[in-house]
Structure formats: C-alpha cells, structure tokens
Amino acid sequence: MPFLLSISIPLIVVISVIGGLLVGGLGGYFILSKINVKNLNQAKTEANRIIENAYSEAKTVKKEALLEAKDESLKIKQDIDEEVKERRNEVRRLEEKLLTREENLLKKEEILEKKQENIEVIKQNLDLKEKDIDVAKNELNKIKMQQISELERISGLSKDEAKKEIKNACIEEAKIDAIKIVKEIEQDAKDNAIKKAKEIITLAIQKCAADHAQEVTVSVVSIPNEEVKGRIIGREGRNIRALEQSTGVELIIDDSPESITVSGFDPVRREIARIALEKLILDGRIHPARIEELVDKVRKDMDATIKEAGENACYSVGIHNLHPELVKILGRLKFRTSYGQNCLNHSLEVAHLAGLMAEEIGADANIAKRGGLLHDIGKAVDHEQEGTHVTIGVELAKKYKENDAIIHCIEAHHGGVEYQSIEAILVQAADAISSARPGARRESLESYIKRLENIEKIANQFKGVEKSFAIQAGREVRVIVVPEMISEEQTFILAKDIAKNIENELEYPGQIKVNIIRETRTVEYAK
C-alpha cells in the first residue's frame, strides 16, 4: 500500500504538469490569436489610411502635372506662334526681294532687247559697208592690174624681174652702208682704246681706298725719365751690349730728352728691339739674363704677329692656298717701307687694283690678284739675300711651287722682261698706280697739293667766281659764283669753260667734276 502511494504521487504530479501545460498552451494560443487579429485589424486600418493618402497625393500630383502641362503647352504655342510670325515676315521680305529682282530683270531684258535691236541695225550697216568694200577692192585690183601692166609696158620688165632688180639694189645699198658702219666702228675703237683704258684704270683707282704713306726711318722709344737711360746702359755698358747682341740693332742714347732711338737695317729686328725695350722699362728688371729672356719671348710673339699679318692679307684678297712659308714672308712686309709707303699695304692695294681691272676687261682676276699680292715679296728678305727684290721674289715663288703665270707677274712688274700675259701688264699698271697716286709716297705729295691749288686757281680766274674749293682728292671742284653777275643760264657756260681749261692746262687721272653753285638770298625784317 505504501508502495502504491509512492508511485501514484509522482504520476499525479506529471499528469498535473502536462495538464497545466496543455491549458497554458491553449490559453496562449487564444491570447496570441486575439493579438494577431487586433494587429491585423490595425494593419488594415493603416493600409487603408495610406491608400487614401496616396490617392489624395496622386490627385494633387495629377492636378499639378496637368497645370504644368497646360503652361508648357501654352508656352510652346506662343513660341510656335512667334516663329510662324517670323517665318511669315521672312517670307514677305523674300517675296519683296524677288519682286524687286523680277522688276530689275524685266528692265535689263528691255535694255538687252534695245541693244539687240541696235546690234541688228549695226550689223545691217556693216553688211552694207562690207559689200561696198568688196566693190572698192575689186575696183582697186582692176586699177592695180592696169597700173602693173602699164609699168611693165613702160619699163620693159615683168613684175618678178622688177622685184629682183629692186632686191639687188637694196642688197648693194645695204652692203655699202654696212661697210661704212664697220669702218666707223673700227675708227671709233682705235680712237677710244686709250681713253677706255684710262677709264678702266680710273674706275679701279676710285674703287680702291688706301691710306696715305708716312715716312718711317728709325724707331723711337719713350722713357719715363732720364734715370732709365743709365739703367738701360748698365754697369760698363753690359745691359746695352746684351740688348744689341740679342736683337742685332743699334741703340742710340744721346741728349734727346726722355727718348731712346732704335736703329737697324732690318725692320723686323728693329720692331723686336723696340717692343723688348718697352717691356724692360715697364718691368724694371734690367739685366743681361732678363734681356735675353724678354727678347726671346718678343721674337716668338713677333713670329706669330708676322704669320697673322700674312694670313690677314691673303684673306683680304681672297687667296686661300698660299704656301705657309710664303705667308710668313708676306707678313714681314708689314714692317717694311719703301719711300715711306708700307710694303704690305702697297701689295694689297696692287692686288685689289689688278683684280678690279682684270674684271673690267675680262681677264683672270685670281691670277692678277695673286700676282699683285706677291709682286714685291722679295723686299721682305732683300736685306738678307743678294740681288734685286724682283730676282729674289722670282726665286721665292719658284722655291714654293707658284704657278708660272704668277712668277711671270713678279718678274715683269718693273718691265725687266717682255710681257707674256694680260695679267702681268695689269700688275705692272696697278703697281705704277699705287706708287704714283696722291699721298702714296712722300715725293708725290707736293705735286698732289700743287694740282689741287692749280684746279682752284683755274676756277678763280673766271669773272663772277666768288671762291672755289677742290674736294674729293681733286676729283671735284665746287665753284661759288656771285648771283648778281652770273645768271642761271650762264652757269652752264661757265661750267663748260672751267672744265675745258682744266683739260687743257692740267694732267690728272680719271675725271674732275665741275660743280657750279649759285645762291640768291633775300632777307626782310618784320617790325
């Protein structure tokens, strides 16, 4: 019994628990069902409210869209109306233009019709005139044939025979005229040959500008004070002896204030001594060792200067294939003078003149220039070798393989041999021109000035001349006349008379321009 009680109590508890769970579950289900029904009703209510709001908003949007569409359609209609209006106006304008053009075309058509009528009238007139011309031509041909027949009857010659006679007569007359013309040309050529040569030489001289010569005898070195002379002499003369032995020149130290004279037959040595002496005076250290050192340095610098002078001379003339040794010898002419004329400048002047004259007459300008540049090359070393500068120059040209034409130019430039080329003659002429031109050499300067004075003297001797001035190196004379004594027309006669007297009384190269100046001045004062 107690066992049954112990078993039955838990069972009851389990059953009770199960029953409670069933009752709780059913209760919870019913409660949840009610809650779901309530939520569902609320959701339906909310959904209905949202739908109503959506309907109302849709109506509002629809109304607004309809209003906007109406406004847009009105705006589009207005734009279309304006565009249609503009198109109509444009069409109206085009119609007016077309009407105007049509009227113009009608007018032009009328004008053309009138012109066409005039052309028809003119054409008819031309046809009539052409018929008249044909009739006249036929009549002229008949008359011409009658005249030809009559001429043939009178002359006894046919038409072809008469043509042949006239042709032969014309040929003979033309031959006679041609012979006369040829004779006149030949005579004129003979008469003007010398004159033409003078003109060519004159033109060449005028194109070539050169410096006037200055006489060079010895070199003078300036010293700051007399004390320097004693330092240059040195103890027992050792400094001056060292300088003379190193340079091969003679130093003359006399009573001349603040100067020392450098004398020597070799211009290059004299220049080296001058430069070395100037550098010694500036340096202040004057003793035999320093003298020898400076002289060696100056000699090297002088070699470079000589080479540069030769290269510049070749470049100036346009010669670029001269032997290097000849270039150096040519550069030595920079320190050589003849009658006060610098030999390198003289050679350049001769080269330019010869080249210009060769171009004028159609000769070889390159040979003329080269021969002119080298014609006095012997003068660069004539104090070192025996013989004239011509023979020395020929030997140098042969030694350095110069062209035979160039050698002949050097050999013939003083007329020692017979000329064998035009270029040699041109070099000789250019040499004479360069040496004899005004201002080239000292001895011709006085005659040059005298010629200028004579030109002015000839002009001043005429009545009515106030004063005259020879200018342009004697190539022009300006004559100022008194306007009250010489009229405008008389100036032409005066110019011719002065020119004629100059031609008769003076000898001169080229031509002289006579320029008459007549000036009338009127002065009045306003008070």
Protein backbone atom coordinates (compact mmCIF):
# COMPACT_ATOMS: atom_id res chain seq x y z
CA MET A 1 0.00 0.00 0.00
CA PRO A 2 2.67 2.45 0.86
CA PHE A 3 4.45 1.38 -2.36
CA LEU A 4 1.41 2.23 -4.44
CA LEU A 5 1.15 5.58 -2.75
CA SER A 6 4.81 6.30 -3.55
CA ILE A 7 4.25 5.51 -7.23
CA SER A 8 0.94 7.34 -7.60
CA ILE A 9 2.17 10.69 -6.24
CA PRO A 10 4.76 11.43 -8.99
CA LEU A 11 2.38 10.24 -11.64
CA ILE A 12 -0.21 12.67 -10.46
CA VAL A 13 2.34 15.40 -10.46
CA VAL A 14 3.36 14.59 -14.05
CA ILE A 15 -0.21 14.47 -15.19
CA SER A 16 -0.88 17.73 -13.43
CA VAL A 17 2.10 19.30 -15.12
CA ILE A 18 1.06 18.03 -18.51
CA GLY A 19 -2.45 19.28 -17.99
CA GLY A 20 -1.16 22.67 -16.93
CA LEU A 21 0.97 22.87 -19.99
CA LEU A 22 -1.96 21.98 -22.22
CA VAL A 23 -4.17 24.55 -20.58
CA GLY A 24 -1.38 27.20 -20.77
CA GLY A 25 -0.71 26.40 -24.39
CA LEU A 26 -4.37 26.68 -25.35
CA GLY A 27 -4.67 29.89 -23.39
CA GLY A 28 -1.56 31.32 -25.01
CA TYR A 29 -2.85 30.34 -28.44
CA PHE A 30 -6.15 32.10 -27.87
CA ILE A 31 -4.39 35.13 -26.50
CA LEU A 32 -1.98 35.22 -29.47
CA SER A 33 -4.87 34.77 -31.86
CA LYS A 34 -6.64 37.74 -30.39
CA ILE A 35 -3.46 39.78 -30.50
CA ASN A 36 -2.87 38.83 -34.16
CA VAL A 37 -6.45 39.68 -35.06
CA LYS A 38 -6.06 43.04 -33.36
CA ASN A 39 -2.74 43.71 -35.14
CA LEU A 40 -4.25 42.62 -38.41
CA ASN A 41 -7.13 45.00 -37.99
CA GLN A 42 -4.74 47.79 -37.13
CA ALA A 43 -2.62 46.98 -40.17
CA LYS A 44 -5.68 47.01 -42.40
CA THR A 45 -6.72 50.34 -40.96
CA GLU A 46 -3.22 51.75 -41.54
CA ALA A 47 -3.14 50.32 -45.04
CA ASN A 48 -6.47 51.90 -45.86
CA ARG A 49 -5.21 55.22 -44.49
CA ILE A 50 -2.01 55.02 -46.58
CA ILE A 51 -4.02 54.15 -49.69
CA GLU A 52 -6.34 57.09 -49.12
CA ASN A 53 -3.34 59.41 -48.63
CA ALA A 54 -1.77 58.01 -51.79
CA TYR A 55 -4.97 58.63 -53.72
CA SER A 56 -5.19 62.16 -52.45
CA GLU A 57 -1.47 62.82 -53.22
CA ALA A 58 -1.90 61.27 -56.68
CA LYS A 59 -4.81 63.57 -57.37
CA THR A 60 -2.75 66.52 -56.21
CA VAL A 61 0.24 65.50 -58.40
CA LYS A 62 -2.10 64.87 -61.31
CA LYS A 63 -3.58 68.33 -60.94
CA GLU A 64 -0.12 69.91 -60.70
CA ALA A 65 1.08 67.92 -63.73
CA LEU A 66 -1.97 68.98 -65.69
CA LEU A 67 -1.34 72.59 -64.78
CA GLU A 68 2.34 72.36 -65.74
CA ALA A 69 1.44 70.63 -68.99
CA LYS A 70 -1.07 73.37 -69.76
CA ASP A 71 1.56 76.05 -69.03
CA GLU A 72 4.16 74.26 -71.14
CA SER A 73 1.71 73.79 -73.98
CA LEU A 74 0.82 77.48 -73.82
CA LYS A 75 4.50 78.44 -73.87
CA ILE A 76 5.19 76.10 -76.79
CA LYS A 77 2.17 77.52 -78.61
CA GLN A 78 3.46 81.05 -78.03
CA ASP A 79 6.94 80.09 -79.30
CA ILE A 80 5.42 78.43 -82.33
CA ASP A 81 3.24 81.46 -82.98
CA GLU A 82 6.31 83.76 -82.76
CA GLU A 83 8.33 81.50 -85.05
CA VAL A 84 5.46 81.33 -87.52
CA LYS A 85 5.23 85.11 -87.38
CA GLU A 86 8.98 85.47 -88.05
CA ARG A 87 8.78 82.95 -90.87
CA ARG A 88 5.90 84.87 -92.40
CA ASN A 89 7.88 88.11 -92.12
CA GLU A 90 10.92 86.43 -93.71
CA VAL A 91 8.74 85.03 -96.50
CA ARG A 92 7.28 88.51 -97.01
CA ARG A 93 10.79 90.02 -97.24
CA LEU A 94 11.90 87.35 -99.67
CA GLU A 95 8.81 87.96 -101.77
CA GLU A 96 9.62 91.68 -101.83
CA LYS A 97 13.23 90.93 -102.89
CA LEU A 98 12.02 88.58 -105.57
CA LEU A 99 9.62 91.18 -106.84
CA THR A 100 12.42 93.77 -106.91
CA ARG A 101 14.72 91.39 -108.75
CA GLU A 102 11.99 90.48 -111.14
CA GLU A 103 11.44 94.15 -111.89
CA ASN A 104 15.21 94.63 -112.41
CA LEU A 105 15.36 91.62 -114.69
CA LEU A 106 12.46 92.97 -116.70
CA LYS A 107 14.27 96.30 -117.04
CA LYS A 108 17.50 94.58 -118.07
CA GLU A 109 15.59 92.46 -120.51
CA GLU A 110 14.14 95.58 -122.07
CA ILE A 111 17.62 97.13 -122.26
CA LEU A 112 19.01 93.97 -123.85
CA GLU A 113 16.20 93.91 -126.36
CA LYS A 114 17.00 97.51 -127.29
CA LYS A 115 20.70 96.68 -127.58
CA GLN A 116 19.89 93.66 -129.70
CA GLU A 117 17.85 95.87 -131.99
CA ASN A 118 20.79 98.31 -132.20
CA ILE A 119 23.16 95.42 -132.94
CA GLU A 120 20.92 94.23 -135.71
CA VAL A 121 20.90 97.71 -137.19
CA ILE A 122 24.68 97.96 -136.89
CA LYS A 123 25.08 94.52 -138.43
CA GLN A 124 22.96 95.52 -141.36
CA ASN A 125 25.04 98.66 -141.80
CA LEU A 126 28.25 96.60 -141.61
CA ASP A 127 26.94 94.20 -144.22
CA LEU A 128 26.22 97.11 -146.50
CA LYS A 129 29.68 98.61 -145.88
CA GLU A 130 31.32 95.22 -146.44
CA LYS A 131 29.61 94.98 -149.80
CA ASP A 132 30.82 98.48 -150.62
CA ILE A 133 34.36 97.50 -149.53
CA ASP A 134 34.27 94.40 -151.74
CA VAL A 135 33.20 96.54 -154.68
CA ALA A 136 36.01 99.02 -153.88
CA LYS A 137 38.54 96.19 -153.59
CA ASN A 138 37.56 94.82 -156.95
CA GLU A 139 37.90 98.25 -158.48
CA LEU A 140 41.32 98.74 -156.79
CA ASN A 141 42.52 95.37 -158.03
CA LYS A 142 41.46 96.28 -161.55
CA ILE A 143 43.28 99.63 -161.28
CA LYS A 144 46.33 97.90 -159.72
CA MET A 145 46.49 95.35 -162.53
CA GLN A 146 46.15 98.12 -165.07
CA GLN A 147 48.97 100.08 -163.39
CA ILE A 148 51.21 96.99 -163.24
CA SER A 149 50.58 96.30 -166.88
CA GLU A 150 51.33 99.92 -167.73
CA LEU A 151 54.55 99.86 -165.61
CA GLU A 152 55.68 96.62 -167.23
CA ARG A 153 54.99 98.16 -170.67
CA ILE A 154 56.93 101.34 -169.83
CA SER A 155 59.90 99.65 -168.06
CA GLY A 156 60.09 96.68 -170.34
CA LEU A 157 60.36 94.39 -167.26
CA SER A 158 57.98 91.88 -165.80
CA LYS A 159 56.81 92.02 -162.16
CA ASP A 160 59.26 89.31 -160.99
CA GLU A 161 62.14 90.92 -162.89
CA ALA A 162 61.36 94.30 -161.30
CA LYS A 163 61.31 92.69 -157.79
CA LYS A 164 64.67 91.09 -158.46
CA GLU A 165 66.16 94.38 -159.63
CA ILE A 166 64.89 96.21 -156.54
CA LYS A 167 66.13 93.41 -154.25
CA ASN A 168 69.61 93.51 -155.75
CA ALA A 169 69.73 97.29 -155.48
CA CYS A 170 68.71 97.13 -151.81
CA ILE A 171 71.35 94.49 -151.07
CA GLU A 172 74.08 96.55 -152.68
CA GLU A 173 73.00 99.68 -150.80
CA ALA A 174 72.89 97.73 -147.52
CA LYS A 175 76.40 96.38 -148.14
CA ILE A 176 77.74 99.87 -148.73
CA ASP A 177 76.06 101.15 -145.55
CA ALA A 178 77.39 98.17 -143.55
CA ILE A 179 80.94 98.79 -144.78
CA LYS A 180 80.67 102.43 -143.75
CA ILE A 181 79.38 101.47 -140.31
CA VAL A 182 82.17 98.89 -139.83
CA LYS A 183 84.80 101.46 -140.80
CA GLU A 184 83.30 103.98 -138.39
CA ILE A 185 83.23 101.39 -135.58
CA GLU A 186 86.84 100.40 -136.25
CA GLN A 187 87.97 104.01 -136.30
CA ASP A 188 85.99 104.78 -133.17
CA ALA A 189 87.52 101.74 -131.43
CA LYS A 190 91.02 102.92 -132.36
CA ASP A 191 90.28 106.46 -131.19
CA ASN A 192 88.72 105.35 -127.90
CA ALA A 193 91.08 102.49 -126.99
CA ILE A 194 93.43 104.69 -124.95
CA LYS A 195 90.52 106.62 -123.48
CA LYS A 196 88.78 103.38 -122.45
CA ALA A 197 91.96 102.07 -120.83
CA LYS A 198 92.26 105.28 -118.84
CA GLU A 199 88.64 104.98 -117.75
CA ILE A 200 89.16 101.39 -116.57
CA ILE A 201 92.25 102.37 -114.59
CA THR A 202 90.45 105.40 -113.14
CA LEU A 203 87.45 103.33 -112.05
CA ALA A 204 89.77 100.80 -110.42
CA ILE A 205 91.60 103.59 -108.56
CA GLN A 206 88.35 105.12 -107.34
CA LYS A 207 87.10 101.75 -106.04
CA CYS A 208 90.32 101.07 -104.13
CA ALA A 209 90.66 103.14 -100.96
CA ALA A 210 94.09 103.20 -99.28
CA ASP A 211 95.86 105.09 -96.55
CA HIS A 212 98.44 107.80 -97.18
CA ALA A 213 102.05 106.88 -96.58
CA GLN A 214 104.12 108.10 -93.69
CA GLU A 215 107.89 108.16 -93.76
CA VAL A 216 109.46 105.57 -91.40
CA THR A 217 113.17 105.83 -90.69
CA VAL A 218 114.03 104.75 -87.14
CA SER A 219 112.04 103.67 -84.10
CA VAL A 220 111.89 105.93 -81.06
CA VAL A 221 111.11 104.56 -77.59
CA SER A 222 109.82 106.95 -74.95
CA ILE A 223 111.17 106.60 -71.41
CA PRO A 224 109.62 107.94 -68.20
CA ASN A 225 112.72 109.82 -67.02
CA GLU A 226 116.43 110.30 -67.69
CA GLU A 227 117.42 107.89 -64.91
CA VAL A 228 116.17 104.98 -67.00
CA LYS A 229 118.86 105.68 -69.61
CA GLY A 230 121.58 104.80 -67.11
CA ARG A 231 119.83 101.58 -66.14
CA ILE A 232 119.49 100.60 -69.80
CA ILE A 233 123.22 101.24 -70.37
CA GLY A 234 124.12 99.26 -67.22
CA ARG A 235 127.44 98.88 -65.49
CA GLU A 236 130.21 99.37 -68.05
CA GLY A 237 127.53 99.14 -70.76
CA ARG A 238 126.73 95.45 -70.23
CA ASN A 239 122.93 95.89 -70.49
CA ILE A 240 123.00 97.85 -73.74
CA ARG A 241 125.51 95.41 -75.25
CA ALA A 242 123.34 92.46 -74.28
CA LEU A 243 120.30 94.10 -75.89
CA GLU A 244 122.16 94.99 -79.09
CA GLN A 245 123.67 91.49 -79.39
CA SER A 246 120.29 89.81 -78.77
CA THR A 247 118.37 91.92 -81.28
CA GLY A 248 121.03 92.83 -83.87
CA VAL A 249 120.22 96.55 -83.78
CA GLU A 250 121.93 99.68 -82.52
CA LEU A 251 120.63 101.72 -79.61
CA ILE A 252 121.34 105.45 -79.80
CA ILE A 253 121.24 107.11 -76.40
CA ASP A 254 122.00 110.81 -76.81
CA ASP A 255 120.84 114.09 -75.36
CA SER A 256 117.30 113.70 -76.72
CA PRO A 257 115.02 114.17 -73.70
CA GLU A 258 113.15 111.09 -72.46
CA SER A 259 113.71 109.01 -75.62
CA ILE A 260 115.97 106.30 -76.99
CA THR A 261 116.43 105.71 -80.74
CA VAL A 262 116.49 102.17 -82.15
CA SER A 263 118.40 101.97 -85.45
CA GLY A 264 118.77 98.96 -87.74
CA PHE A 265 118.52 97.97 -91.41
CA ASP A 266 116.12 95.07 -90.63
CA PRO A 267 112.65 96.45 -89.77
CA VAL A 268 111.63 93.22 -88.00
CA ARG A 269 114.68 93.28 -85.75
CA ARG A 270 114.09 96.95 -85.07
CA GLU A 271 110.49 96.23 -84.06
CA ILE A 272 111.57 93.35 -81.80
CA ALA A 273 114.13 95.63 -80.10
CA ARG A 274 111.54 98.39 -79.66
CA ILE A 275 108.95 96.08 -78.07
CA ALA A 276 111.55 94.38 -75.86
CA LEU A 277 112.90 97.74 -74.67
CA GLU A 278 109.41 98.98 -73.80
CA LYS A 279 108.68 95.80 -71.83
CA LEU A 280 112.01 96.06 -69.99
CA ILE A 281 111.22 99.65 -68.95
CA LEU A 282 107.78 98.58 -67.69
CA ASP A 283 109.20 95.52 -65.91
CA GLY A 284 112.03 97.41 -64.21
CA ARG A 285 114.33 94.37 -64.00
CA ILE A 286 117.03 95.31 -66.48
CA HIS A 287 119.97 92.89 -66.60
CA PRO A 288 121.52 90.67 -69.30
CA ALA A 289 119.65 87.47 -68.33
CA ARG A 290 116.28 89.24 -68.25
CA ILE A 291 117.07 90.99 -71.54
CA GLU A 292 117.78 87.70 -73.33
CA GLU A 293 114.64 86.13 -71.86
CA LEU A 294 112.41 89.03 -72.93
CA VAL A 295 113.94 89.24 -76.42
CA ASP A 296 113.29 85.51 -76.99
CA LYS A 297 109.68 85.93 -75.87
CA VAL A 298 109.14 89.01 -78.07
CA ARG A 299 110.74 87.22 -81.03
CA LYS A 300 108.24 84.35 -80.66
CA ASP A 301 105.37 86.82 -80.38
CA MET A 302 106.69 88.65 -83.45
CA ASP A 303 106.70 85.39 -85.46
CA ALA A 304 103.02 84.92 -84.58
CA THR A 305 102.27 88.54 -85.48
CA ILE A 306 104.03 88.18 -88.85
CA LYS A 307 102.13 85.00 -89.63
CA GLU A 308 98.82 86.62 -88.67
CA ALA A 309 99.58 89.66 -90.85
CA GLY A 310 100.30 87.38 -93.83
CA GLU A 311 97.11 85.37 -93.25
CA ASN A 312 95.01 88.52 -92.95
CA ALA A 313 96.49 89.85 -96.20
CA CYS A 314 95.63 86.61 -98.02
CA TYR A 315 92.12 86.63 -96.58
CA SER A 316 91.61 90.26 -97.59
CA VAL A 317 92.46 89.50 -101.22
CA GLY A 318 90.67 86.13 -101.28
CA ILE A 319 93.71 83.83 -101.66
CA HIS A 320 93.49 80.70 -99.51
CA ASN A 321 96.05 78.23 -100.88
CA LEU A 322 99.34 80.12 -100.48
CA HIS A 323 102.33 78.17 -99.15
CA PRO A 324 102.73 78.68 -95.35
CA GLU A 325 106.31 79.93 -95.75
CA LEU A 326 105.25 82.47 -98.36
CA VAL A 327 102.51 83.61 -95.94
CA LYS A 328 105.15 84.25 -93.27
CA ILE A 329 107.43 86.10 -95.71
CA LEU A 330 104.46 88.16 -96.89
CA GLY A 331 103.69 89.09 -93.28
CA ARG A 332 107.23 90.51 -92.89
CA LEU A 333 106.30 93.21 -95.40
CA LYS A 334 104.17 94.76 -92.64
CA PHE A 335 107.39 96.13 -91.13
CA ARG A 336 109.00 97.09 -94.45
CA THR A 337 108.61 100.51 -96.08
CA SER A 338 109.66 101.89 -99.45
CA TYR A 339 109.78 105.66 -99.94
CA GLY A 340 107.64 105.94 -96.85
CA GLN A 341 105.00 103.55 -98.27
CA ASN A 342 104.20 100.41 -96.26
CA CYS A 343 105.06 97.44 -98.49
CA LEU A 344 102.27 95.15 -97.25
CA ASN A 345 99.62 97.83 -97.73
CA HIS A 346 101.12 98.58 -101.14
CA SER A 347 100.94 94.89 -102.12
CA LEU A 348 97.30 94.67 -101.01
CA GLU A 349 96.49 97.82 -102.96
CA VAL A 350 98.16 96.45 -106.10
CA ALA A 351 96.28 93.15 -105.73
CA HIS A 352 92.93 94.93 -105.43
CA LEU A 353 93.64 97.28 -108.34
CA ALA A 354 94.85 94.49 -110.63
CA GLY A 355 91.83 92.35 -109.75
CA LEU A 356 89.38 95.17 -110.41
CA MET A 357 90.94 95.99 -113.78
CA ALA A 358 91.01 92.30 -114.74
CA GLU A 359 87.29 92.02 -114.01
CA GLU A 360 86.61 95.12 -116.12
CA ILE A 361 88.35 93.72 -119.23
CA GLY A 362 87.51 90.02 -118.74
CA ALA A 363 90.98 88.79 -117.71
CA ASP A 364 91.71 86.24 -114.96
CA ALA A 365 91.12 88.22 -111.75
CA ASN A 366 92.55 85.47 -109.50
CA ILE A 367 95.93 85.46 -111.27
CA ALA A 368 96.01 89.27 -111.28
CA LYS A 369 95.26 89.42 -107.54
CA ARG A 370 97.79 86.73 -106.64
CA GLY A 371 100.49 88.27 -108.82
CA GLY A 372 99.79 91.71 -107.35
CA LEU A 373 99.96 90.41 -103.78
CA LEU A 374 103.31 88.65 -104.35
CA HIS A 375 104.96 91.11 -106.76
CA ASP A 376 107.12 92.72 -104.01
CA ILE A 377 107.63 89.58 -101.89
CA GLY A 378 111.39 89.88 -102.44
CA LYS A 379 111.51 93.11 -100.43
CA ALA A 380 110.77 91.14 -97.27
CA VAL A 381 114.22 89.46 -97.39
CA ASP A 382 116.25 91.70 -99.75
CA HIS A 383 118.49 92.76 -96.82
CA GLU A 384 119.35 89.08 -96.18
CA GLN A 385 119.97 87.92 -99.77
CA GLU A 386 121.90 89.40 -102.66
CA GLY A 387 120.07 90.63 -105.74
CA THR A 388 117.14 92.89 -106.54
CA HIS A 389 113.77 92.35 -104.93
CA VAL A 390 112.48 91.16 -108.34
CA THR A 391 115.01 88.35 -108.70
CA ILE A 392 114.63 87.39 -105.04
CA GLY A 393 110.83 87.33 -105.44
CA VAL A 394 111.08 85.09 -108.52
CA GLU A 395 113.40 82.68 -106.65
CA LEU A 396 110.98 82.52 -103.70
CA ALA A 397 107.98 81.89 -105.98
CA LYS A 398 109.83 79.08 -107.78
CA LYS A 399 111.02 77.61 -104.49
CA TYR A 400 107.48 77.33 -103.15
CA LYS A 401 105.99 76.00 -106.42
CA GLU A 402 103.98 79.02 -107.53
CA ASN A 403 102.26 79.00 -110.93
CA ASP A 404 104.32 80.13 -113.94
CA ALA A 405 101.78 82.91 -114.59
CA ILE A 406 102.37 84.28 -111.05
CA ILE A 407 106.14 84.04 -111.43
CA HIS A 408 105.90 85.98 -114.70
CA CYS A 409 103.85 88.71 -112.98
CA ILE A 410 106.58 89.09 -110.34
CA GLU A 411 109.35 89.05 -112.93
CA ALA A 412 107.72 91.56 -115.29
CA HIS A 413 106.22 94.09 -112.88
CA HIS A 414 109.14 96.51 -113.48
CA GLY A 415 109.33 95.84 -117.22
CA GLY A 416 112.54 93.79 -116.94
CA VAL A 417 111.23 91.12 -119.30
CA GLU A 418 108.74 91.12 -122.17
CA TYR A 419 105.11 90.80 -121.12
CA GLN A 420 103.54 87.46 -121.98
CA SER A 421 100.10 87.84 -120.37
CA ILE A 422 97.45 90.48 -119.80
CA GLU A 423 97.59 89.81 -116.05
CA ALA A 424 101.31 90.73 -115.92
CA ILE A 425 100.55 94.04 -117.67
CA LEU A 426 97.73 94.71 -115.19
CA VAL A 427 100.03 94.02 -112.21
CA GLN A 428 102.61 96.45 -113.64
CA ALA A 429 99.90 99.10 -114.19
CA ALA A 430 98.46 98.58 -110.71
CA ASP A 431 101.98 98.86 -109.21
CA ALA A 432 102.53 102.17 -111.02
CA ILE A 433 99.10 103.46 -109.96
CA SER A 434 99.61 102.53 -106.32
CA SER A 435 103.05 104.13 -106.24
CA ALA A 436 102.06 107.28 -108.11
CA ARG A 437 98.65 108.02 -106.58
CA PRO A 438 98.37 111.19 -104.48
CA GLY A 439 99.58 110.57 -100.95
CA ALA A 440 101.11 107.18 -101.69
CA ARG A 441 104.73 108.30 -101.42
CA ARG A 442 106.32 111.30 -99.87
CA GLU A 443 107.88 112.71 -103.01
CA SER A 444 104.47 112.90 -104.82
CA LEU A 445 102.62 114.66 -102.01
CA GLU A 446 103.85 118.12 -103.01
CA SER A 447 102.78 117.65 -106.64
CA TYR A 448 99.40 116.38 -105.43
CA ILE A 449 98.85 119.54 -103.34
CA LYS A 450 100.08 121.66 -106.24
CA ARG A 451 97.47 120.09 -108.52
CA LEU A 452 94.69 120.95 -106.09
CA GLU A 453 95.93 124.54 -105.94
CA ASN A 454 96.03 124.75 -109.74
CA ILE A 455 92.45 123.49 -110.02
CA GLU A 456 91.23 126.21 -107.66
CA LYS A 457 93.40 128.80 -109.45
CA ILE A 458 91.87 127.96 -112.85
CA ALA A 459 88.34 128.25 -111.44
CA ASN A 460 89.05 131.54 -109.63
CA GLN A 461 90.34 133.30 -112.77
CA PHE A 462 86.85 133.47 -114.33
CA LYS A 463 84.77 136.59 -113.90
CA GLY A 464 81.89 136.24 -111.46
CA VAL A 465 83.54 133.47 -109.38
CA GLU A 466 83.49 134.32 -105.67
CA LYS A 467 85.55 131.35 -104.43
CA SER A 468 86.26 127.71 -105.29
CA PHE A 469 87.17 124.54 -103.38
CA ALA A 470 88.90 121.41 -104.73
CA ILE A 471 87.47 118.40 -102.84
CA GLN A 472 87.28 114.60 -103.10
CA ALA A 473 91.08 114.31 -103.53
CA GLY A 474 90.90 116.60 -106.56
CA ARG A 475 88.07 114.72 -108.27
CA GLU A 476 85.60 117.60 -107.80
CA VAL A 477 85.79 121.39 -107.69
CA ARG A 478 82.93 123.38 -106.23
CA VAL A 479 82.69 126.91 -107.63
CA ILE A 480 80.58 129.51 -105.81
CA VAL A 481 79.55 132.38 -108.08
CA VAL A 482 78.14 135.87 -107.43
CA PRO A 483 74.42 135.61 -108.33
CA GLU A 484 74.21 139.25 -109.44
CA MET A 485 76.98 138.68 -112.02
CA ILE A 486 76.18 135.14 -113.24
CA SER A 487 72.65 134.23 -114.32
CA GLU A 488 71.13 130.75 -114.12
CA GLU A 489 71.73 130.14 -117.84
CA GLN A 490 75.32 131.41 -117.68
CA THR A 491 76.26 128.78 -115.07
CA PHE A 492 76.14 126.06 -117.79
CA ILE A 493 78.54 128.03 -119.99
CA LEU A 494 80.83 128.75 -117.02
CA ALA A 495 80.99 125.05 -116.04
CA LYS A 496 81.95 124.07 -119.61
CA ASP A 497 84.63 126.80 -119.80
CA ILE A 498 86.21 125.79 -116.48
CA ALA A 499 86.19 122.10 -117.46
CA LYS A 500 87.79 122.93 -120.82
CA ASN A 501 90.58 124.97 -119.21
CA ILE A 502 91.30 122.20 -116.68
CA GLU A 503 91.56 119.67 -119.52
CA ASN A 504 93.96 121.90 -121.46
CA GLU A 505 96.23 123.01 -118.58
CA LEU A 506 96.41 120.05 -116.17
CA GLU A 507 97.28 116.36 -116.27
CA TYR A 508 95.31 114.15 -113.89
CA PRO A 509 93.94 110.59 -113.62
CA GLY A 510 90.23 109.97 -114.10
CA GLN A 511 87.84 112.89 -114.34
CA ILE A 512 87.15 116.11 -112.42
CA LYS A 513 83.59 117.21 -111.72
CA VAL A 514 82.93 120.96 -112.01
CA ASN A 515 80.05 121.89 -109.70
CA ILE A 516 78.73 125.48 -110.03
CA ILE A 517 76.77 126.80 -107.03
CA ARG A 518 74.63 129.90 -107.45
CA GLU A 519 72.65 131.03 -104.44
CA THR A 520 70.37 134.05 -104.06
CA ARG A 521 69.27 135.03 -100.57
CA THR A 522 66.55 137.54 -99.79
CA VAL A 523 66.28 138.92 -96.24
CA GLU A 524 63.47 141.06 -94.86
CA TYR A 525 62.70 142.10 -91.29
CA ALA A 526 59.23 142.29 -89.77
CA LYS A 527 58.91 145.30 -87.46
